All heavy atoms as atom14 arrays in JSON, in Angstrom:
{
  "sequence": "ENELLIEVDRAGVNYADTHQVEDSYLSSPALPLIP",
  "atom14_mask": [
    [1, 1, 1, 1, 1, 1, 1, 1, 1, 0, 0, 0, 0, 0],
    [1, 1, 1, 1, 1, 1, 1, 1, 0, 0, 0, 0, 0, 0],
    [1, 1, 1, 1, 1, 1, 1, 1, 1, 0, 0, 0, 0, 0],
    [1, 1, 1, 1, 1, 1, 1, 1, 0, 0, 0, 0, 0, 0],
    [1, 1, 1, 1, 1, 1, 1, 1, 0, 0, 0, 0, 0, 0],
    [1, 1, 1, 1, 1, 1, 1, 1, 0, 0, 0, 0, 0, 0],
    [1, 1, 1, 1, 1, 1, 1, 1, 1, 0, 0, 0, 0, 0],
    [1, 1, 1, 1, 1, 1, 1, 0, 0, 0, 0, 0, 0, 0],
    [1, 1, 1, 1, 1, 1, 1, 1, 0, 0, 0, 0, 0, 0],
    [1, 1, 1, 1, 1, 1, 1, 1, 1, 1, 1, 0, 0, 0],
    [1, 1, 1, 1, 1, 0, 0, 0, 0, 0, 0, 0, 0, 0],
    [1, 1, 1, 1, 0, 0, 0, 0, 0, 0, 0, 0, 0, 0],
    [1, 1, 1, 1, 1, 1, 1, 0, 0, 0, 0, 0, 0, 0],
    [1, 1, 1, 1, 1, 1, 1, 1, 0, 0, 0, 0, 0, 0],
    [1, 1, 1, 1, 1, 1, 1, 1, 1, 1, 1, 1, 0, 0],
    [1, 1, 1, 1, 1, 0, 0, 0, 0, 0, 0, 0, 0, 0],
    [1, 1, 1, 1, 1, 1, 1, 1, 0, 0, 0, 0, 0, 0],
    [1, 1, 1, 1, 1, 1, 1, 0, 0, 0, 0, 0, 0, 0],
    [1, 1, 1, 1, 1, 1, 1, 1, 1, 1, 0, 0, 0, 0],
    [1, 1, 1, 1, 1, 1, 1, 1, 1, 0, 0, 0, 0, 0],
    [1, 1, 1, 1, 1, 1, 1, 0, 0, 0, 0, 0, 0, 0],
    [1, 1, 1, 1, 1, 1, 1, 1, 1, 0, 0, 0, 0, 0],
    [1, 1, 1, 1, 1, 1, 1, 1, 0, 0, 0, 0, 0, 0],
    [1, 1, 1, 1, 1, 1, 0, 0, 0, 0, 0, 0, 0, 0],
    [1, 1, 1, 1, 1, 1, 1, 1, 1, 1, 1, 1, 0, 0],
    [1, 1, 1, 1, 1, 1, 1, 1, 0, 0, 0, 0, 0, 0],
    [1, 1, 1, 1, 1, 1, 0, 0, 0, 0, 0, 0, 0, 0],
    [1, 1, 1, 1, 1, 1, 0, 0, 0, 0, 0, 0, 0, 0],
    [1, 1, 1, 1, 1, 1, 1, 0, 0, 0, 0, 0, 0, 0],
    [1, 1, 1, 1, 1, 0, 0, 0, 0, 0, 0, 0, 0, 0],
    [1, 1, 1, 1, 1, 1, 1, 1, 0, 0, 0, 0, 0, 0],
    [1, 1, 1, 1, 1, 1, 1, 0, 0, 0, 0, 0, 0, 0],
    [1, 1, 1, 1, 1, 1, 1, 1, 0, 0, 0, 0, 0, 0],
    [1, 1, 1, 1, 1, 1, 1, 1, 0, 0, 0, 0, 0, 0],
    [1, 1, 1, 1, 1, 1, 1, 0, 0, 0, 0, 0, 0, 0]
  ],
  "atom14_positions": [
    [[-31.33, 71.17, -4.05], [-31.73, 71.23, -2.65], [-30.7, 72.03, -1.86], [-29.49, 71.85, -2.04], [-31.87, 69.82, -2.08], [-32.42, 69.77, -0.68], [-32.58, 68.34, -0.16], [-32.24, 67.42, -0.92], [-33.04, 68.19, 0.98], [0.0, 0.0, 0.0], [0.0, 0.0, 0.0], [0.0, 0.0, 0.0], [0.0, 0.0, 0.0], [0.0, 0.0, 0.0]],
    [[-31.18, 72.92, -0.98], [-30.33, 73.75, -0.12], [-29.42, 74.69, -0.93], [-28.34, 75.06, -0.47], [-29.46, 72.88, 0.79], [-30.28, 72.12, 1.81], [-31.29, 72.62, 2.32], [-29.88, 70.89, 2.1], [0.0, 0.0, 0.0], [0.0, 0.0, 0.0], [0.0, 0.0, 0.0], [0.0, 0.0, 0.0], [0.0, 0.0, 0.0], [0.0, 0.0, 0.0]],
    [[-29.86, 75.07, -2.12], [-29.11, 75.99, -2.95], [-29.97, 77.2, -3.34], [-31.21, 77.11, -3.35], [-28.6, 75.3, -4.21], [-27.52, 74.26, -3.96], [-27.01, 73.62, -5.24], [-27.79, 73.51, -6.21], [-25.82, 73.26, -5.27], [0.0, 0.0, 0.0], [0.0, 0.0, 0.0], [0.0, 0.0, 0.0], [0.0, 0.0, 0.0], [0.0, 0.0, 0.0]],
    [[-29.3, 78.3, -3.67], [-29.97, 79.51, -4.14], [-29.42, 79.87, -5.5], [-28.22, 79.79, -5.74], [-29.71, 80.66, -3.17], [-30.12, 80.52, -1.71], [-29.61, 81.73, -0.92], [-31.64, 80.41, -1.6], [0.0, 0.0, 0.0], [0.0, 0.0, 0.0], [0.0, 0.0, 0.0], [0.0, 0.0, 0.0], [0.0, 0.0, 0.0], [0.0, 0.0, 0.0]],
    [[-30.32, 80.3, -6.4], [-29.9, 80.82, -7.7], [-29.89, 82.34, -7.59], [-30.89, 82.93, -7.19], [-30.87, 80.38, -8.81], [-30.59, 80.94, -10.21], [-29.26, 80.42, -10.74], [-31.74, 80.62, -11.15], [0.0, 0.0, 0.0], [0.0, 0.0, 0.0], [0.0, 0.0, 0.0], [0.0, 0.0, 0.0], [0.0, 0.0, 0.0], [0.0, 0.0, 0.0]],
    [[-28.76, 82.96, -7.92], [-28.7, 84.43, -7.84], [-28.26, 85.03, -9.16], [-27.53, 84.4, -9.94], [-27.74, 84.89, -6.71], [-26.28, 84.54, -7.04], [-28.13, 84.32, -5.37], [-25.28, 85.22, -6.12], [0.0, 0.0, 0.0], [0.0, 0.0, 0.0], [0.0, 0.0, 0.0], [0.0, 0.0, 0.0], [0.0, 0.0, 0.0], [0.0, 0.0, 0.0]],
    [[-28.73, 86.24, -9.41], [-28.23, 87.08, -10.5], [-26.98, 87.77, -9.97], [-27.05, 88.49, -8.97], [-29.27, 88.11, -10.9], [-30.56, 87.53, -11.47], [-30.47, 87.28, -12.98], [-29.47, 87.7, -13.59], [-31.42, 86.66, -13.51], [0.0, 0.0, 0.0], [0.0, 0.0, 0.0], [0.0, 0.0, 0.0], [0.0, 0.0, 0.0], [0.0, 0.0, 0.0]],
    [[-25.85, 87.53, -10.61], [-24.59, 88.02, -10.1], [-24.37, 89.49, -10.47], [-24.41, 89.85, -11.64], [-23.42, 87.17, -10.64], [-22.07, 87.71, -10.13], [-23.58, 85.72, -10.22], [0.0, 0.0, 0.0], [0.0, 0.0, 0.0], [0.0, 0.0, 0.0], [0.0, 0.0, 0.0], [0.0, 0.0, 0.0], [0.0, 0.0, 0.0], [0.0, 0.0, 0.0]],
    [[-24.14, 90.34, -9.46], [-23.83, 91.75, -9.7], [-22.32, 91.96, -9.83], [-21.87, 92.73, -10.66], [-24.38, 92.61, -8.56], [-25.89, 92.67, -8.55], [-26.49, 92.7, -9.65], [-26.49, 92.65, -7.45], [0.0, 0.0, 0.0], [0.0, 0.0, 0.0], [0.0, 0.0, 0.0], [0.0, 0.0, 0.0], [0.0, 0.0, 0.0], [0.0, 0.0, 0.0]],
    [[-21.55, 91.28, -9.0], [-20.09, 91.33, -9.08], [-19.53, 89.96, -8.67], [-20.08, 89.3, -7.8], [-19.5, 92.39, -8.13], [-19.84, 93.83, -8.46], [-19.21, 94.31, -9.74], [-19.37, 95.74, -9.93], [-20.46, 96.35, -10.35], [-21.55, 95.61, -10.61], [-20.51, 97.65, -10.52], [0.0, 0.0, 0.0], [0.0, 0.0, 0.0], [0.0, 0.0, 0.0]],
    [[-18.43, 89.59, -9.31], [-17.69, 88.4, -8.94], [-16.28, 88.83, -8.55], [-15.66, 89.63, -9.26], [-17.64, 87.39, -10.08], [0.0, 0.0, 0.0], [0.0, 0.0, 0.0], [0.0, 0.0, 0.0], [0.0, 0.0, 0.0], [0.0, 0.0, 0.0], [0.0, 0.0, 0.0], [0.0, 0.0, 0.0], [0.0, 0.0, 0.0], [0.0, 0.0, 0.0]],
    [[-15.77, 88.31, -7.46], [-14.43, 88.67, -7.02], [-13.35, 87.94, -7.81], [-13.55, 86.84, -8.3], [0.0, 0.0, 0.0], [0.0, 0.0, 0.0], [0.0, 0.0, 0.0], [0.0, 0.0, 0.0], [0.0, 0.0, 0.0], [0.0, 0.0, 0.0], [0.0, 0.0, 0.0], [0.0, 0.0, 0.0], [0.0, 0.0, 0.0], [0.0, 0.0, 0.0]],
    [[-12.19, 88.59, -7.91], [-11.02, 88.0, -8.57], [-9.93, 87.87, -7.51], [-9.6, 88.83, -6.81], [-10.51, 88.87, -9.73], [-9.3, 88.23, -10.4], [-11.63, 89.12, -10.74], [0.0, 0.0, 0.0], [0.0, 0.0, 0.0], [0.0, 0.0, 0.0], [0.0, 0.0, 0.0], [0.0, 0.0, 0.0], [0.0, 0.0, 0.0], [0.0, 0.0, 0.0]],
    [[-9.35, 86.65, -7.4], [-8.33, 86.38, -6.39], [-7.12, 85.7, -7.0], [-7.19, 85.12, -8.09], [-8.91, 85.45, -5.3], [-10.03, 86.12, -4.52], [-9.81, 87.05, -3.78], [-11.26, 85.62, -4.71], [0.0, 0.0, 0.0], [0.0, 0.0, 0.0], [0.0, 0.0, 0.0], [0.0, 0.0, 0.0], [0.0, 0.0, 0.0], [0.0, 0.0, 0.0]],
    [[-5.99, 85.75, -6.28], [-4.81, 85.01, -6.72], [-5.13, 83.53, -6.9], [-4.61, 82.88, -7.8], [-3.67, 85.16, -5.7], [-2.74, 86.31, -6.0], [-2.76, 87.46, -5.22], [-1.85, 86.27, -7.08], [-1.91, 88.53, -5.5], [-1.01, 87.32, -7.37], [-1.05, 88.45, -6.57], [-0.2, 89.5, -6.83], [0.0, 0.0, 0.0], [0.0, 0.0, 0.0]],
    [[-5.97, 83.0, -6.02], [-6.34, 81.59, -6.13], [-6.96, 81.27, -7.48], [-6.77, 80.18, -8.03], [-7.3, 81.21, -5.0], [0.0, 0.0, 0.0], [0.0, 0.0, 0.0], [0.0, 0.0, 0.0], [0.0, 0.0, 0.0], [0.0, 0.0, 0.0], [0.0, 0.0, 0.0], [0.0, 0.0, 0.0], [0.0, 0.0, 0.0], [0.0, 0.0, 0.0]],
    [[-7.68, 82.23, -8.08], [-8.28, 82.02, -9.39], [-7.2, 81.83, -10.45], [-7.33, 80.99, -11.35], [-9.15, 83.22, -9.8], [-10.3, 83.48, -8.84], [-10.57, 82.63, -7.98], [-10.93, 84.55, -8.95], [0.0, 0.0, 0.0], [0.0, 0.0, 0.0], [0.0, 0.0, 0.0], [0.0, 0.0, 0.0], [0.0, 0.0, 0.0], [0.0, 0.0, 0.0]],
    [[-6.11, 82.59, -10.35], [-5.04, 82.44, -11.34], [-4.38, 81.09, -11.23], [-4.0, 80.49, -12.23], [-3.99, 83.57, -11.19], [-3.23, 83.39, -9.98], [-4.64, 84.94, -11.18], [0.0, 0.0, 0.0], [0.0, 0.0, 0.0], [0.0, 0.0, 0.0], [0.0, 0.0, 0.0], [0.0, 0.0, 0.0], [0.0, 0.0, 0.0], [0.0, 0.0, 0.0]],
    [[-4.24, 80.59, -10.01], [-3.69, 79.26, -9.83], [-4.64, 78.19, -10.34], [-4.23, 77.19, -10.95], [-3.4, 79.0, -8.34], [-2.18, 79.7, -7.83], [-0.9, 79.33, -8.19], [-2.03, 80.75, -6.98], [-0.02, 80.12, -7.57], [-0.7, 81.0, -6.84], [0.0, 0.0, 0.0], [0.0, 0.0, 0.0], [0.0, 0.0, 0.0], [0.0, 0.0, 0.0]],
    [[-5.95, 78.39, -10.1], [-6.94, 77.42, -10.57], [-6.95, 77.34, -12.09], [-7.02, 76.25, -12.68], [-8.34, 77.83, -10.06], [-9.41, 76.78, -10.3], [-10.75, 77.23, -9.72], [-11.29, 78.26, -10.12], [-11.29, 76.45, -8.8], [0.0, 0.0, 0.0], [0.0, 0.0, 0.0], [0.0, 0.0, 0.0], [0.0, 0.0, 0.0], [0.0, 0.0, 0.0]],
    [[-6.81, 78.49, -12.75], [-6.86, 78.53, -14.22], [-5.64, 77.81, -14.82], [-5.74, 77.18, -15.86], [-6.95, 80.0, -14.7], [-6.67, 80.12, -16.2], [-8.31, 80.58, -14.38], [0.0, 0.0, 0.0], [0.0, 0.0, 0.0], [0.0, 0.0, 0.0], [0.0, 0.0, 0.0], [0.0, 0.0, 0.0], [0.0, 0.0, 0.0], [0.0, 0.0, 0.0]],
    [[-4.48, 77.92, -14.18], [-3.3, 77.26, -14.7], [-3.08, 75.87, -14.09], [-2.08, 75.21, -14.37], [-2.05, 78.12, -14.49], [-1.63, 78.28, -13.04], [-0.4, 79.17, -12.89], [-0.02, 79.86, -13.85], [0.17, 79.17, -11.78], [0.0, 0.0, 0.0], [0.0, 0.0, 0.0], [0.0, 0.0, 0.0], [0.0, 0.0, 0.0], [0.0, 0.0, 0.0]],
    [[-4.03, 75.42, -13.24], [-3.97, 74.11, -12.6], [-2.73, 73.96, -11.7], [-2.06, 72.94, -11.71], [-4.0, 72.98, -13.64], [-4.34, 71.62, -12.99], [-4.96, 71.61, -11.91], [-4.0, 70.58, -13.58], [0.0, 0.0, 0.0], [0.0, 0.0, 0.0], [0.0, 0.0, 0.0], [0.0, 0.0, 0.0], [0.0, 0.0, 0.0], [0.0, 0.0, 0.0]],
    [[-2.45, 75.0, -10.92], [-1.35, 74.94, -9.95], [-1.86, 75.17, -8.55], [-1.09, 75.49, -7.64], [-0.31, 76.0, -10.3], [-0.84, 77.32, -10.2], [0.0, 0.0, 0.0], [0.0, 0.0, 0.0], [0.0, 0.0, 0.0], [0.0, 0.0, 0.0], [0.0, 0.0, 0.0], [0.0, 0.0, 0.0], [0.0, 0.0, 0.0], [0.0, 0.0, 0.0]],
    [[-3.17, 74.95, -8.33], [-3.76, 75.19, -7.02], [-3.69, 73.92, -6.18], [-3.24, 72.87, -6.63], [-5.21, 75.68, -7.18], [-5.77, 76.42, -6.0], [-4.99, 77.34, -5.29], [-7.07, 76.21, -5.57], [-5.51, 78.02, -4.19], [-7.61, 76.9, -4.48], [-6.8, 77.8, -3.8], [-7.34, 78.47, -2.72], [0.0, 0.0, 0.0], [0.0, 0.0, 0.0]],
    [[-4.19, 74.03, -4.94], [-4.13, 72.9, -4.02], [-5.01, 71.73, -4.46], [-4.72, 70.59, -4.15], [-4.54, 73.36, -2.61], [-3.58, 74.37, -1.96], [-4.18, 74.87, -0.65], [-2.21, 73.75, -1.72], [0.0, 0.0, 0.0], [0.0, 0.0, 0.0], [0.0, 0.0, 0.0], [0.0, 0.0, 0.0], [0.0, 0.0, 0.0], [0.0, 0.0, 0.0]],
    [[-6.07, 72.02, -5.18], [-6.92, 70.95, -5.71], [-7.05, 71.16, -7.22], [-7.1, 72.31, -7.69], [-8.3, 70.96, -5.05], [-8.95, 72.21, -5.25], [0.0, 0.0, 0.0], [0.0, 0.0, 0.0], [0.0, 0.0, 0.0], [0.0, 0.0, 0.0], [0.0, 0.0, 0.0], [0.0, 0.0, 0.0], [0.0, 0.0, 0.0], [0.0, 0.0, 0.0]],
    [[-7.11, 70.08, -7.99], [-7.15, 70.17, -9.44], [-8.6, 70.11, -9.93], [-9.3, 69.12, -9.68], [-6.34, 69.04, -10.07], [-6.26, 69.18, -11.47], [0.0, 0.0, 0.0], [0.0, 0.0, 0.0], [0.0, 0.0, 0.0], [0.0, 0.0, 0.0], [0.0, 0.0, 0.0], [0.0, 0.0, 0.0], [0.0, 0.0, 0.0], [0.0, 0.0, 0.0]],
    [[-9.09, 71.16, -10.63], [-10.47, 71.17, -11.09], [-10.65, 70.4, -12.4], [-9.69, 70.13, -13.13], [-10.76, 72.66, -11.29], [-9.44, 73.22, -11.69], [-8.38, 72.42, -10.96], [0.0, 0.0, 0.0], [0.0, 0.0, 0.0], [0.0, 0.0, 0.0], [0.0, 0.0, 0.0], [0.0, 0.0, 0.0], [0.0, 0.0, 0.0], [0.0, 0.0, 0.0]],
    [[-11.9, 70.08, -12.69], [-12.24, 69.41, -13.94], [-12.6, 70.48, -15.0], [-13.06, 71.56, -14.68], [-13.41, 68.46, -13.74], [0.0, 0.0, 0.0], [0.0, 0.0, 0.0], [0.0, 0.0, 0.0], [0.0, 0.0, 0.0], [0.0, 0.0, 0.0], [0.0, 0.0, 0.0], [0.0, 0.0, 0.0], [0.0, 0.0, 0.0], [0.0, 0.0, 0.0]],
    [[-12.38, 70.14, -16.23], [-12.72, 71.02, -17.36], [-13.97, 70.5, -18.07], [-14.24, 69.3, -18.06], [-11.55, 71.07, -18.35], [-10.25, 71.69, -17.83], [-9.16, 71.59, -18.89], [-10.45, 73.14, -17.43], [0.0, 0.0, 0.0], [0.0, 0.0, 0.0], [0.0, 0.0, 0.0], [0.0, 0.0, 0.0], [0.0, 0.0, 0.0], [0.0, 0.0, 0.0]],
    [[-14.75, 71.38, -18.72], [-14.61, 72.82, -18.75], [-14.94, 73.44, -17.38], [-15.67, 72.83, -16.6], [-15.62, 73.26, -19.82], [-16.67, 72.21, -19.77], [-15.95, 70.92, -19.48], [0.0, 0.0, 0.0], [0.0, 0.0, 0.0], [0.0, 0.0, 0.0], [0.0, 0.0, 0.0], [0.0, 0.0, 0.0], [0.0, 0.0, 0.0], [0.0, 0.0, 0.0]],
    [[-14.45, 74.64, -17.15], [-14.57, 75.26, -15.83], [-14.92, 76.74, -15.96], [-14.34, 77.44, -16.8], [-13.26, 75.12, -15.07], [-13.16, 75.87, -13.73], [-13.96, 75.14, -12.65], [-11.71, 76.0, -13.29], [0.0, 0.0, 0.0], [0.0, 0.0, 0.0], [0.0, 0.0, 0.0], [0.0, 0.0, 0.0], [0.0, 0.0, 0.0], [0.0, 0.0, 0.0]],
    [[-15.87, 77.19, -15.15], [-16.13, 78.61, -14.98], [-15.46, 79.02, -13.68], [-15.87, 78.59, -12.6], [-17.66, 78.91, -14.91], [-18.34, 78.49, -16.2], [-17.89, 80.4, -14.63], [-19.87, 78.57, -16.13], [0.0, 0.0, 0.0], [0.0, 0.0, 0.0], [0.0, 0.0, 0.0], [0.0, 0.0, 0.0], [0.0, 0.0, 0.0], [0.0, 0.0, 0.0]],
    [[-14.38, 79.82, -13.73], [-13.7, 80.22, -12.49], [-14.56, 81.18, -11.68], [-15.63, 81.63, -12.09], [-12.42, 80.91, -12.99], [-12.32, 80.58, -14.45], [-13.74, 80.36, -14.92], [0.0, 0.0, 0.0], [0.0, 0.0, 0.0], [0.0, 0.0, 0.0], [0.0, 0.0, 0.0], [0.0, 0.0, 0.0], [0.0, 0.0, 0.0], [0.0, 0.0, 0.0]]
  ]
}
């Protein structure tokens, strides 16, 4: 509900992604994870 499914043409890469992957970001994600 209230969501859209899209075919992704490009995904952005940010410094925050590198922190998320090494689990050094402000919030800790659950695994497995698609950044």
